[in-house]
Amino acid sequence: AIHRMLCRNRQITVCRFNGTVPASLKPKLNSALEANFHSAAICREDFFVLSQAFEEMDDDCSGAVDIYEMVEFFKTHDLKLGKTGKNNKKGGVVNKALTRT
């Protein structure tokens, strides 16, 4: 039951089961915990890439990116997501955000 719970809930990364489960099950449970831990983590290189992208977006150095900063970032980097919709209107993050602001 514990192993099934660990496999279904990937947010569980620590579990203290000393004295509560047989020693034969501990390696199986530990491997499930390790898999959960690594599924939620990113590697060091990815962290630095994401951190650099965030710093590029955060124009006012407030530590948060608002919708205007994000729209400006997408405009300057020519990033468009989405499909062309009805009446040949371009879809994407920038156009949707512009209509909301």
PDB file of N, CA and C in Angstrom:
ATOM      1  N   ALA A   1       0.831  -1.193   0.000  1.00  0.00           N
ATOM      2  CA  ALA A   1       0.000   0.000   0.000  1.00  0.00           C
ATOM      3  C   ALA A   1       0.874   1.255   0.000  1.00  0.00           C
ATOM      4  N   ILE A   2       1.969   1.233   0.767  1.00  0.00           N
ATOM      5  CA  ILE A   2       2.852   2.402   0.820  1.00  0.00           C
ATOM      6  C   ILE A   2       3.516   2.613  -0.539  1.00  0.00           C
ATOM      7  N   HIS A   3       3.953   1.518  -1.162  1.00  0.00           N
ATOM      8  CA  HIS A   3       4.602   1.633  -2.470  1.00  0.00           C
ATOM      9  C   HIS A   3       3.635   2.189  -3.503  1.00  0.00           C
ATOM     10  N   ARG A   4       2.423   1.754  -3.495  1.00  0.00           N
ATOM     11  CA  ARG A   4       1.410   2.253  -4.427  1.00  0.00           C
ATOM     12  C   ARG A   4       1.173   3.741  -4.207  1.00  0.00           C
ATOM     13  N   MET A   5       1.128   4.164  -2.943  1.00  0.00           N
ATOM     14  CA  MET A   5       0.931   5.570  -2.628  1.00  0.00           C
ATOM     15  C   MET A   5       2.108   6.402  -3.141  1.00  0.00           C
ATOM     16  N   LEU A   6       3.334   5.903  -2.973  1.00  0.00           N
ATOM     17  CA  LEU A   6       4.511   6.628  -3.445  1.00  0.00           C
ATOM     18  C   LEU A   6       4.535   6.725  -4.972  1.00  0.00           C
ATOM     19  N   CYS A   7       4.082   5.687  -5.647  1.00  0.00           N
ATOM     20  CA  CYS A   7       4.066   5.695  -7.110  1.00  0.00           C
ATOM     21  C   CYS A   7       2.982   6.614  -7.658  1.00  0.00           C
ATOM     22  N   ARG A   8       1.878   6.725  -6.971  1.00  0.00           N
ATOM     23  CA  ARG A   8       0.770   7.553  -7.450  1.00  0.00           C
ATOM     24  C   ARG A   8       0.960   9.031  -7.114  1.00  0.00           C
ATOM     25  N   ASN A   9       1.571   9.318  -5.984  1.00  0.00           N
ATOM     26  CA  ASN A   9       1.750  10.700  -5.552  1.00  0.00           C
ATOM     27  C   ASN A   9       3.222  11.073  -5.683  1.00  0.00           C
ATOM     28  N   ARG A  10       3.579  11.727  -6.786  1.00  0.00           N
ATOM     29  CA  ARG A  10       4.975  12.083  -7.074  1.00  0.00           C
ATOM     30  C   ARG A  10       5.488  13.218  -6.200  1.00  0.00           C
ATOM     31  N   GLN A  11       4.622  13.838  -5.412  1.00  0.00           N
ATOM     32  CA  GLN A  11       5.055  14.932  -4.542  1.00  0.00           C
ATOM     33  C   GLN A  11       5.700  14.421  -3.259  1.00  0.00           C
ATOM     34  N   ILE A  12       5.533  13.151  -2.953  1.00  0.00           N
ATOM     35  CA  ILE A  12       6.147  12.584  -1.746  1.00  0.00           C
ATOM     36  C   ILE A  12       7.604  12.266  -2.059  1.00  0.00           C
ATOM     37  N   THR A  13       8.511  12.996  -1.411  1.00  0.00           N
ATOM     38  CA  THR A  13       9.936  12.781  -1.653  1.00  0.00           C
ATOM     39  C   THR A  13      10.684  12.329  -0.406  1.00  0.00           C
ATOM     40  N   VAL A  14      10.029  12.380   0.735  1.00  0.00           N
ATOM     41  CA  VAL A  14      10.630  11.936   1.998  1.00  0.00           C
ATOM     42  C   VAL A  14       9.614  11.087   2.741  1.00  0.00           C
ATOM     43  N   CYS A  15      10.073   9.965   3.231  1.00  0.00           N
ATOM     44  CA  CYS A  15       9.194   9.089   4.002  1.00  0.00           C
ATOM     45  C   CYS A  15      10.042   8.356   5.031  1.00  0.00           C
ATOM     46  N   ARG A  16       9.675   8.453   6.286  1.00  0.00           N
ATOM     47  CA  ARG A  16      10.414   7.775   7.350  1.00  0.00           C
ATOM     48  C   ARG A  16       9.627   6.533   7.751  1.00  0.00           C
ATOM     49  N   PHE A  17      10.112   5.382   7.312  1.00  0.00           N
ATOM     50  CA  PHE A  17       9.405   4.143   7.596  1.00  0.00           C
ATOM     51  C   PHE A  17      10.267   3.165   8.378  1.00  0.00           C
ATOM     52  N   ASN A  18      11.204   3.694   9.181  1.00  0.00           N
ATOM     53  CA  ASN A  18      12.027   2.825  10.026  1.00  0.00           C
ATOM     54  C   ASN A  18      11.174   2.180  11.111  1.00  0.00           C
ATOM     55  N   GLY A  19      11.242   0.884  11.187  1.00  0.00           N
ATOM     56  CA  GLY A  19      10.493   0.151  12.203  1.00  0.00           C
ATOM     57  C   GLY A  19       9.042  -0.090  11.850  1.00  0.00           C
ATOM     58  N   THR A  20       8.574   0.397  10.710  1.00  0.00           N
ATOM     59  CA  THR A  20       7.171   0.214  10.352  1.00  0.00           C
ATOM     60  C   THR A  20       6.968  -0.737   9.185  1.00  0.00           C
ATOM     61  N   VAL A  21       8.007  -0.965   8.380  1.00  0.00           N
ATOM     62  CA  VAL A  21       7.901  -1.877   7.240  1.00  0.00           C
ATOM     63  C   VAL A  21       9.023  -2.899   7.317  1.00  0.00           C
ATOM     64  N   PRO A  22       8.832  -4.074   6.758  1.00  0.00           N
ATOM     65  CA  PRO A  22       9.893  -5.078   6.759  1.00  0.00           C
ATOM     66  C   PRO A  22      11.118  -4.607   5.976  1.00  0.00           C
ATOM     67  N   ALA A  23      12.279  -5.080   6.366  1.00  0.00           N
ATOM     68  CA  ALA A  23      13.535  -4.688   5.729  1.00  0.00           C
ATOM     69  C   ALA A  23      13.562  -5.084   4.251  1.00  0.00           C
ATOM     70  N   SER A  24      12.846  -6.109   3.877  1.00  0.00           N
ATOM     71  CA  SER A  24      12.842  -6.551   2.486  1.00  0.00           C
ATOM     72  C   SER A  24      12.139  -5.552   1.558  1.00  0.00           C
ATOM     73  N   LEU A  25      11.252  -4.714   2.100  1.00  0.00           N
ATOM     74  CA  LEU A  25      10.532  -3.735   1.288  1.00  0.00           C
ATOM     75  C   LEU A  25      11.231  -2.379   1.207  1.00  0.00           C
ATOM     76  N   LYS A  26      12.188  -2.130   2.097  1.00  0.00           N
ATOM     77  CA  LYS A  26      12.835  -0.814   2.142  1.00  0.00           C
ATOM     78  C   LYS A  26      13.530  -0.428   0.837  1.00  0.00           C
ATOM     79  N   PRO A  27      14.278  -1.333   0.176  1.00  0.00           N
ATOM     80  CA  PRO A  27      14.915  -0.917  -1.087  1.00  0.00           C
ATOM     81  C   PRO A  27      13.906  -0.503  -2.156  1.00  0.00           C
ATOM     82  N   LYS A  28      12.789  -1.209  -2.232  1.00  0.00           N
ATOM     83  CA  LYS A  28      11.750  -0.882  -3.211  1.00  0.00           C
ATOM     84  C   LYS A  28      11.138   0.484  -2.897  1.00  0.00           C
ATOM     85  N   LEU A  29      10.886   0.754  -1.632  1.00  0.00           N
ATOM     86  CA  LEU A  29      10.312   2.041  -1.234  1.00  0.00           C
ATOM     87  C   LEU A  29      11.309   3.173  -1.437  1.00  0.00           C
ATOM     88  N   ASN A  30      12.570   2.918  -1.112  1.00  0.00           N
ATOM     89  CA  ASN A  30      13.599   3.943  -1.309  1.00  0.00           C
ATOM     90  C   ASN A  30      13.777   4.290  -2.781  1.00  0.00           C
ATOM     91  N   SER A  31      13.690   3.302  -3.653  1.00  0.00           N
ATOM     92  CA  SER A  31      13.816   3.593  -5.082  1.00  0.00           C
ATOM     93  C   SER A  31      12.627   4.410  -5.584  1.00  0.00           C
ATOM     94  N   ALA A  32      11.436   4.160  -5.053  1.00  0.00           N
ATOM     95  CA  ALA A  32      10.265   4.956  -5.417  1.00  0.00           C
ATOM     96  C   ALA A  32      10.420   6.397  -4.927  1.00  0.00           C
ATOM     97  N   LEU A  33      10.945   6.574  -3.714  1.00  0.00           N
ATOM     98  CA  LEU A  33      11.184   7.916  -3.189  1.00  0.00           C
ATOM     99  C   LEU A  33      12.229   8.657  -4.018  1.00  0.00           C
ATOM    100  N   GLU A  34      13.278   7.946  -4.403  1.00  0.00           N
ATOM    101  CA  GLU A  34      14.333   8.564  -5.207  1.00  0.00           C
ATOM    102  C   GLU A  34      13.791   8.986  -6.571  1.00  0.00           C
ATOM    103  N   ALA A  35      12.956   8.154  -7.173  1.00  0.00           N
ATOM    104  CA  ALA A  35      12.339   8.503  -8.454  1.00  0.00           C
ATOM    105  C   ALA A  35      11.459   9.741  -8.315  1.00  0.00           C
ATOM    106  N   ASN A  36      10.710   9.829  -7.219  1.00  0.00           N
ATOM    107  CA  ASN A  36       9.869  11.006  -6.973  1.00  0.00           C
ATOM    108  C   ASN A  36      10.717  12.263  -6.827  1.00  0.00           C
ATOM    109  N   PHE A  37      11.821  12.139  -6.099  1.00  0.00           N
ATOM    110  CA  PHE A  37      12.693  13.293  -5.872  1.00  0.00           C
ATOM    111  C   PHE A  37      13.261  13.803  -7.189  1.00  0.00           C
ATOM    112  N   HIS A  38      13.741  12.905  -8.021  1.00  0.00           N
ATOM    113  CA  HIS A  38      14.366  13.310  -9.279  1.00  0.00           C
ATOM    114  C   HIS A  38      13.342  13.760 -10.328  1.00  0.00           C
ATOM    115  N   SER A  39      12.104  13.335 -10.186  1.00  0.00           N
ATOM    116  CA  SER A  39      11.094  13.776 -11.150  1.00  0.00           C
ATOM    117  C   SER A  39      10.728  15.237 -10.944  1.00  0.00           C
ATOM    118  N   ALA A  40      10.948  15.762  -9.740  1.00  0.00           N
ATOM    119  CA  ALA A  40      10.594  17.147  -9.435  1.00  0.00           C
ATOM    120  C   ALA A  40      11.778  18.094  -9.558  1.00  0.00           C
ATOM    121  N   ALA A  41      12.974  17.581  -9.745  1.00  0.00           N
ATOM    122  CA  ALA A  41      14.170  18.409  -9.774  1.00  0.00           C
ATOM    123  C   ALA A  41      14.603  18.691 -11.211  1.00  0.00           C
ATOM    124  N   ILE A  42      15.273  19.816 -11.393  1.00  0.00           N
ATOM    125  CA  ILE A  42      15.861  20.118 -12.686  1.00  0.00           C
ATOM    126  C   ILE A  42      17.370  20.162 -12.520  1.00  0.00           C
ATOM    127  N   CYS A  43      18.081  19.954 -13.603  1.00  0.00           N
ATOM    128  CA  CYS A  43      19.545  19.947 -13.506  1.00  0.00           C
ATOM    129  C   CYS A  43      20.059  21.377 -13.374  1.00  0.00           C
ATOM    130  N   ARG A  44      21.292  21.496 -12.973  1.00  0.00           N
ATOM    131  CA  ARG A  44      21.915  22.788 -12.702  1.00  0.00           C
ATOM    132  C   ARG A  44      21.930  23.686 -13.946  1.00  0.00           C
ATOM    133  N   GLU A  45      22.241  23.107 -15.105  1.00  0.00           N
ATOM    134  CA  GLU A  45      22.309  23.886 -16.340  1.00  0.00           C
ATOM    135  C   GLU A  45      20.937  24.454 -16.704  1.00  0.00           C
ATOM    136  N   ASP A  46      19.893  23.640 -16.567  1.00  0.00           N
ATOM    137  CA  ASP A  46      18.537  24.120 -16.853  1.00  0.00           C
ATOM    138  C   ASP A  46      18.134  25.239 -15.902  1.00  0.00           C
ATOM    139  N   PHE A  47      18.537  25.126 -14.635  1.00  0.00           N
ATOM    140  CA  PHE A  47      18.230  26.163 -13.655  1.00  0.00           C
ATOM    141  C   PHE A  47      18.843  27.489 -14.075  1.00  0.00           C
ATOM    142  N   PHE A  48      20.107  27.470 -14.505  1.00  0.00           N
ATOM    143  CA  PHE A  48      20.768  28.706 -14.895  1.00  0.00           C
ATOM    144  C   PHE A  48      20.167  29.297 -16.168  1.00  0.00           C
ATOM    145  N   VAL A  49      19.751  28.458 -17.100  1.00  0.00           N
ATOM    146  CA  VAL A  49      19.097  28.946 -18.319  1.00  0.00           C
ATOM    147  C   VAL A  49      17.772  29.619 -17.965  1.00  0.00           C
ATOM    148  N   LEU A  50      16.981  28.979 -17.109  1.00  0.00           N
ATOM    149  CA  LEU A  50      15.703  29.557 -16.696  1.00  0.00           C
ATOM    150  C   LEU A  50      15.901  30.835 -15.889  1.00  0.00           C
ATOM    151  N   SER A  51      16.914  30.834 -15.042  1.00  0.00           N
ATOM    152  CA  SER A  51      17.209  32.017 -14.241  1.00  0.00           C
ATOM    153  C   SER A  51      17.605  33.192 -15.130  1.00  0.00           C
ATOM    154  N   GLN A  52      18.421  32.926 -16.138  1.00  0.00           N
ATOM    155  CA  GLN A  52      18.831  33.981 -17.059  1.00  0.00           C
ATOM    156  C   GLN A  52      17.640  34.509 -17.860  1.00  0.00           C
ATOM    157  N   ALA A  53      16.763  33.618 -18.302  1.00  0.00           N
ATOM    158  CA  ALA A  53      15.565  34.041 -19.032  1.00  0.00           C
ATOM    159  C   ALA A  53      14.670  34.902 -18.144  1.00  0.00           C
ATOM    160  N   PHE A  54      14.537  34.518 -16.878  1.00  0.00           N
ATOM    161  CA  PHE A  54      13.728  35.310 -15.950  1.00  0.00           C
ATOM    162  C   PHE A  54      14.333  36.698 -15.770  1.00  0.00           C
ATOM    163  N   GLU A  55      15.650  36.765 -15.619  1.00  0.00           N
ATOM    164  CA  GLU A  55      16.303  38.069 -15.446  1.00  0.00           C
ATOM    165  C   GLU A  55      16.133  38.951 -16.676  1.00  0.00           C
ATOM    166  N   GLU A  56      16.118  38.342 -17.865  1.00  0.00           N
ATOM    167  CA  GLU A  56      15.877  39.113 -19.087  1.00  0.00           C
ATOM    168  C   GLU A  56      14.457  39.652 -19.121  1.00  0.00           C
ATOM    169  N   MET A  57      13.501  38.888 -18.624  1.00  0.00           N
ATOM    170  CA  MET A  57      12.103  39.327 -18.624  1.00  0.00           C
ATOM    171  C   MET A  57      11.847  40.414 -17.596  1.00  0.00           C
ATOM    172  N   ASP A  58      12.505  40.330 -16.448  1.00  0.00           N
ATOM    173  CA  ASP A  58      12.243  41.230 -15.320  1.00  0.00           C
ATOM    174  C   ASP A  58      12.956  42.568 -15.549  1.00  0.00           C
ATOM    175  N   ASP A  59      12.321  43.457 -16.317  1.00  0.00           N
ATOM    176  CA  ASP A  59      12.939  44.738 -16.680  1.00  0.00           C
ATOM    177  C   ASP A  59      13.169  45.652 -15.487  1.00  0.00           C
ATOM    178  N   ASP A  60      12.220  45.703 -14.567  1.00  0.00           N
ATOM    179  CA  ASP A  60      12.340  46.635 -13.444  1.00  0.00           C
ATOM    180  C   ASP A  60      13.034  46.029 -12.227  1.00  0.00           C
ATOM    181  N   CYS A  61      13.564  44.826 -12.355  1.00  0.00           N
ATOM    182  CA  CYS A  61      14.302  44.138 -11.282  1.00  0.00           C
ATOM    183  C   CYS A  61      13.496  44.044  -9.985  1.00  0.00           C
ATOM    184  N   SER A  62      12.198  43.801 -10.119  1.00  0.00           N
ATOM    185  CA  SER A  62      11.328  43.706  -8.953  1.00  0.00           C
ATOM    186  C   SER A  62      11.307  42.300  -8.352  1.00  0.00           C
ATOM    187  N   GLY A  63      11.836  41.328  -9.088  1.00  0.00           N
ATOM    188  CA  GLY A  63      11.796  39.950  -8.619  1.00  0.00           C
ATOM    189  C   GLY A  63      10.537  39.226  -9.051  1.00  0.00           C
ATOM    190  N   ALA A  64       9.699  39.912  -9.825  1.00  0.00           N
ATOM    191  CA  ALA A  64       8.471  39.323 -10.360  1.00  0.00           C
ATOM    192  C   ALA A  64       8.296  39.817 -11.784  1.00  0.00           C
ATOM    193  N   VAL A  65       7.700  38.982 -12.617  1.00  0.00           N
ATOM    194  CA  VAL A  65       7.457  39.351 -14.009  1.00  0.00           C
ATOM    195  C   VAL A  65       5.965  39.592 -14.180  1.00  0.00           C
ATOM    196  N   ASP A  66       5.606  40.811 -14.557  1.00  0.00           N
ATOM    197  CA  ASP A  66       4.190  41.091 -14.787  1.00  0.00           C
ATOM    198  C   ASP A  66       3.859  40.879 -16.257  1.00  0.00           C
ATOM    199  N   ILE A  67       2.605  41.035 -16.597  1.00  0.00           N
ATOM    200  CA  ILE A  67       2.136  40.732 -17.950  1.00  0.00           C
ATOM    201  C   ILE A  67       2.775  41.647 -18.979  1.00  0.00           C
ATOM    202  N   TYR A  68       3.027  42.899 -18.628  1.00  0.00           N
ATOM    203  CA  TYR A  68       3.621  43.843 -19.573  1.00  0.00           C
ATOM    204  C   TYR A  68       5.060  43.453 -19.904  1.00  0.00           C
ATOM    205  N   GLU A  69       5.812  43.050 -18.881  1.00  0.00           N
ATOM    206  CA  GLU A  69       7.189  42.609 -19.115  1.00  0.00           C
ATOM    207  C   GLU A  69       7.215  41.343 -19.966  1.00  0.00           C
ATOM    208  N   MET A  70       6.280  40.454 -19.717  1.00  0.00           N
ATOM    209  CA  MET A  70       6.240  39.217 -20.482  1.00  0.00           C
ATOM    210  C   MET A  70       5.873  39.483 -21.938  1.00  0.00           C
ATOM    211  N   VAL A  71       4.911  40.359 -22.171  1.00  0.00           N
ATOM    212  CA  VAL A  71       4.519  40.706 -23.538  1.00  0.00           C
ATOM    213  C   VAL A  71       5.699  41.332 -24.264  1.00  0.00           C
ATOM    214  N   GLU A  72       6.399  42.230 -23.608  1.00  0.00           N
ATOM    215  CA  GLU A  72       7.555  42.882 -24.233  1.00  0.00           C
ATOM    216  C   GLU A  72       8.647  41.868 -24.557  1.00  0.00           C
ATOM    217  N   PHE A  73       8.860  40.917 -23.673  1.00  0.00           N
ATOM    218  CA  PHE A  73       9.856  39.871 -23.918  1.00  0.00           C
ATOM    219  C   PHE A  73       9.481  39.041 -25.142  1.00  0.00           C
ATOM    220  N   PHE A  74       8.212  38.647 -25.226  1.00  0.00           N
ATOM    221  CA  PHE A  74       7.766  37.845 -26.366  1.00  0.00           C
ATOM    222  C   PHE A  74       7.833  38.642 -27.668  1.00  0.00           C
ATOM    223  N   LYS A  75       7.550  39.938 -27.608  1.00  0.00           N
ATOM    224  CA  LYS A  75       7.645  40.767 -28.808  1.00  0.00           C
ATOM    225  C   LYS A  75       9.088  40.875 -29.291  1.00  0.00           C
ATOM    226  N   THR A  76       9.998  41.166 -28.390  1.00  0.00           N
ATOM    227  CA  THR A  76      11.391  41.386 -28.788  1.00  0.00           C
ATOM    228  C   THR A  76      12.067  40.102 -29.248  1.00  0.00           C
ATOM    229  N   HIS A  77      11.622  38.975 -28.730  1.00  0.00           N
ATOM    230  CA  HIS A  77      12.222  37.706 -29.129  1.00  0.00           C
ATOM    231  C   HIS A  77      11.418  37.004 -30.215  1.00  0.00           C
ATOM    232  N   ASP A  78      10.347  37.654 -30.697  1.00  0.00           N
ATOM    233  CA  ASP A  78       9.508  37.142 -31.778  1.00  0.00           C
ATOM    234  C   ASP A  78       9.035  35.717 -31.495  1.00  0.00           C
ATOM    235  N   LEU A  79       8.535  35.510 -30.290  1.00  0.00           N
ATOM    236  CA  LEU A  79       8.016  34.201 -29.901  1.00  0.00           C
ATOM    237  C   LEU A  79       6.502  34.221 -30.038  1.00  0.00           C
ATOM    238  N   LYS A  80       5.998  33.343 -30.866  1.00  0.00           N
ATOM    239  CA  LYS A  80       4.560  33.266 -31.070  1.00  0.00           C
ATOM    240  C   LYS A  80       4.114  31.842 -30.820  1.00  0.00           C
ATOM    241  N   LEU A  81       3.121  31.698 -29.993  1.00  0.00           N
ATOM    242  CA  LEU A  81       2.554  30.391 -29.702  1.00  0.00           C
ATOM    243  C   LEU A  81       1.089  30.423 -30.066  1.00  0.00           C
ATOM    244  N   GLY A  82       0.603  29.352 -30.596  1.00  0.00           N
ATOM    245  CA  GLY A  82      -0.807  29.290 -30.933  1.00  0.00           C
ATOM    246  C   GLY A  82      -1.010  29.212 -32.431  1.00  0.00           C
ATOM    247  N   LYS A  83      -2.253  29.130 -32.820  1.00  0.00           N
ATOM    248  CA  LYS A  83      -2.614  28.974 -34.226  1.00  0.00           C
ATOM    249  C   LYS A  83      -3.324  30.221 -34.714  1.00  0.00           C
ATOM    250  N   THR A  84      -3.385  30.362 -36.013  1.00  0.00           N
ATOM    251  CA  THR A  84      -4.162  31.442 -36.599  1.00  0.00           C
ATOM    252  C   THR A  84      -5.632  31.084 -36.440  1.00  0.00           C
ATOM    253  N   GLY A  85      -6.373  32.003 -35.894  1.00  0.00           N
ATOM    254  CA  GLY A  85      -7.773  31.729 -35.600  1.00  0.00           C
ATOM    255  C   GLY A  85      -8.703  32.198 -36.701  1.00  0.00           C
ATOM    256  N   LYS A  86      -9.948  32.427 -36.334  1.00  0.00           N
ATOM    257  CA  LYS A  86     -10.952  32.883 -37.291  1.00  0.00           C
ATOM    258  C   LYS A  86     -10.580  34.265 -37.811  1.00  0.00           C
ATOM    259  N   ASN A  87     -10.969  34.567 -39.005  1.00  0.00           N
ATOM    260  CA  ASN A  87     -10.724  35.868 -39.646  1.00  0.00           C
ATOM    261  C   ASN A  87      -9.233  36.178 -39.777  1.00  0.00           C
ATOM    262  N   ASN A  88      -8.404  35.123 -39.851  1.00  0.00           N
ATOM    263  CA  ASN A  88      -6.957  35.246 -40.006  1.00  0.00           C
ATOM    264  C   ASN A  88      -6.288  36.064 -38.908  1.00  0.00           C
ATOM    265  N   LYS A  89      -6.884  36.106 -37.742  1.00  0.00           N
ATOM    266  CA  LYS A  89      -6.241  36.769 -36.613  1.00  0.00           C
ATOM    267  C   LYS A  89      -5.165  35.837 -36.087  1.00  0.00           C
ATOM    268  N   LYS A  90      -4.014  36.413 -35.809  1.00  0.00           N
ATOM    269  CA  LYS A  90      -2.918  35.589 -35.306  1.00  0.00           C
ATOM    270  C   LYS A  90      -3.192  35.212 -33.863  1.00  0.00           C
ATOM    271  N   GLY A  91      -2.940  33.958 -33.558  1.00  0.00           N
ATOM    272  CA  GLY A  91      -3.083  33.503 -32.187  1.00  0.00           C
ATOM    273  C   GLY A  91      -1.773  33.697 -31.457  1.00  0.00           C
ATOM    274  N   GLY A  92      -1.730  33.255 -30.252  1.00  0.00           N
ATOM    275  CA  GLY A  92      -0.475  33.287 -29.520  1.00  0.00           C
ATOM    276  C   GLY A  92      -0.557  34.057 -28.228  1.00  0.00           C
ATOM    277  N   VAL A  93       0.492  33.933 -27.475  1.00  0.00           N
ATOM    278  CA  VAL A  93       0.555  34.528 -26.149  1.00  0.00           C
ATOM    279  C   VAL A  93       0.525  36.043 -26.220  1.00  0.00           C
ATOM    280  N   VAL A  94       1.311  36.622 -27.113  1.00  0.00           N
ATOM    281  CA  VAL A  94       1.408  38.077 -27.185  1.00  0.00           C
ATOM    282  C   VAL A  94       0.074  38.694 -27.555  1.00  0.00           C
ATOM    283  N   ASN A  95      -0.575  38.165 -28.587  1.00  0.00           N
ATOM    284  CA  ASN A  95      -1.839  38.752 -29.030  1.00  0.00           C
ATOM    285  C   ASN A  95      -2.936  38.585 -27.982  1.00  0.00           C
ATOM    286  N   LYS A  96      -2.978  37.462 -27.308  1.00  0.00           N
ATOM    287  CA  LYS A  96      -3.966  37.273 -26.251  1.00  0.00           C
ATOM    288  C   LYS A  96      -3.711  38.199 -25.086  1.00  0.00           C
ATOM    289  N   ALA A  97      -2.426  38.376 -24.746  1.00  0.00           N
ATOM    290  CA  ALA A  97      -2.094  39.265 -23.630  1.00  0.00           C
ATOM    291  C   ALA A  97      -2.378  40.715 -23.982  1.00  0.00           C
ATOM    292  N   LEU A  98      -2.140  41.092 -25.225  1.00  0.00           N
ATOM    293  CA  LEU A  98      -2.397  42.474 -25.630  1.00  0.00           C
ATOM    294  C   LEU A  98      -3.875  42.815 -25.549  1.00  0.00           C
ATOM    295  N   THR A  99      -4.736  41.862 -25.850  1.00  0.00           N
ATOM    296  CA  THR A  99      -6.164  42.141 -25.774  1.00  0.00           C
ATOM    297  C   THR A  99      -6.638  42.249 -24.336  1.00  0.00           C
ATOM    298  N   ARG A 100      -5.906  41.679 -23.406  1.00  0.00           N
ATOM    299  CA  ARG A 100      -6.293  41.759 -21.984  1.00  0.00           C
ATOM    300  C   ARG A 100      -5.766  43.018 -21.321  1.00  0.00           C
ATOM    301  N   THR A 101      -4.714  43.619 -21.869  1.00  0.00           N
ATOM    302  CA  THR A 101      -4.105  44.773 -21.194  1.00  0.00           C
ATOM    303  C   THR A 101      -4.658  46.069 -21.697  1.00  0.00           C
TER     304      THR A 101
END
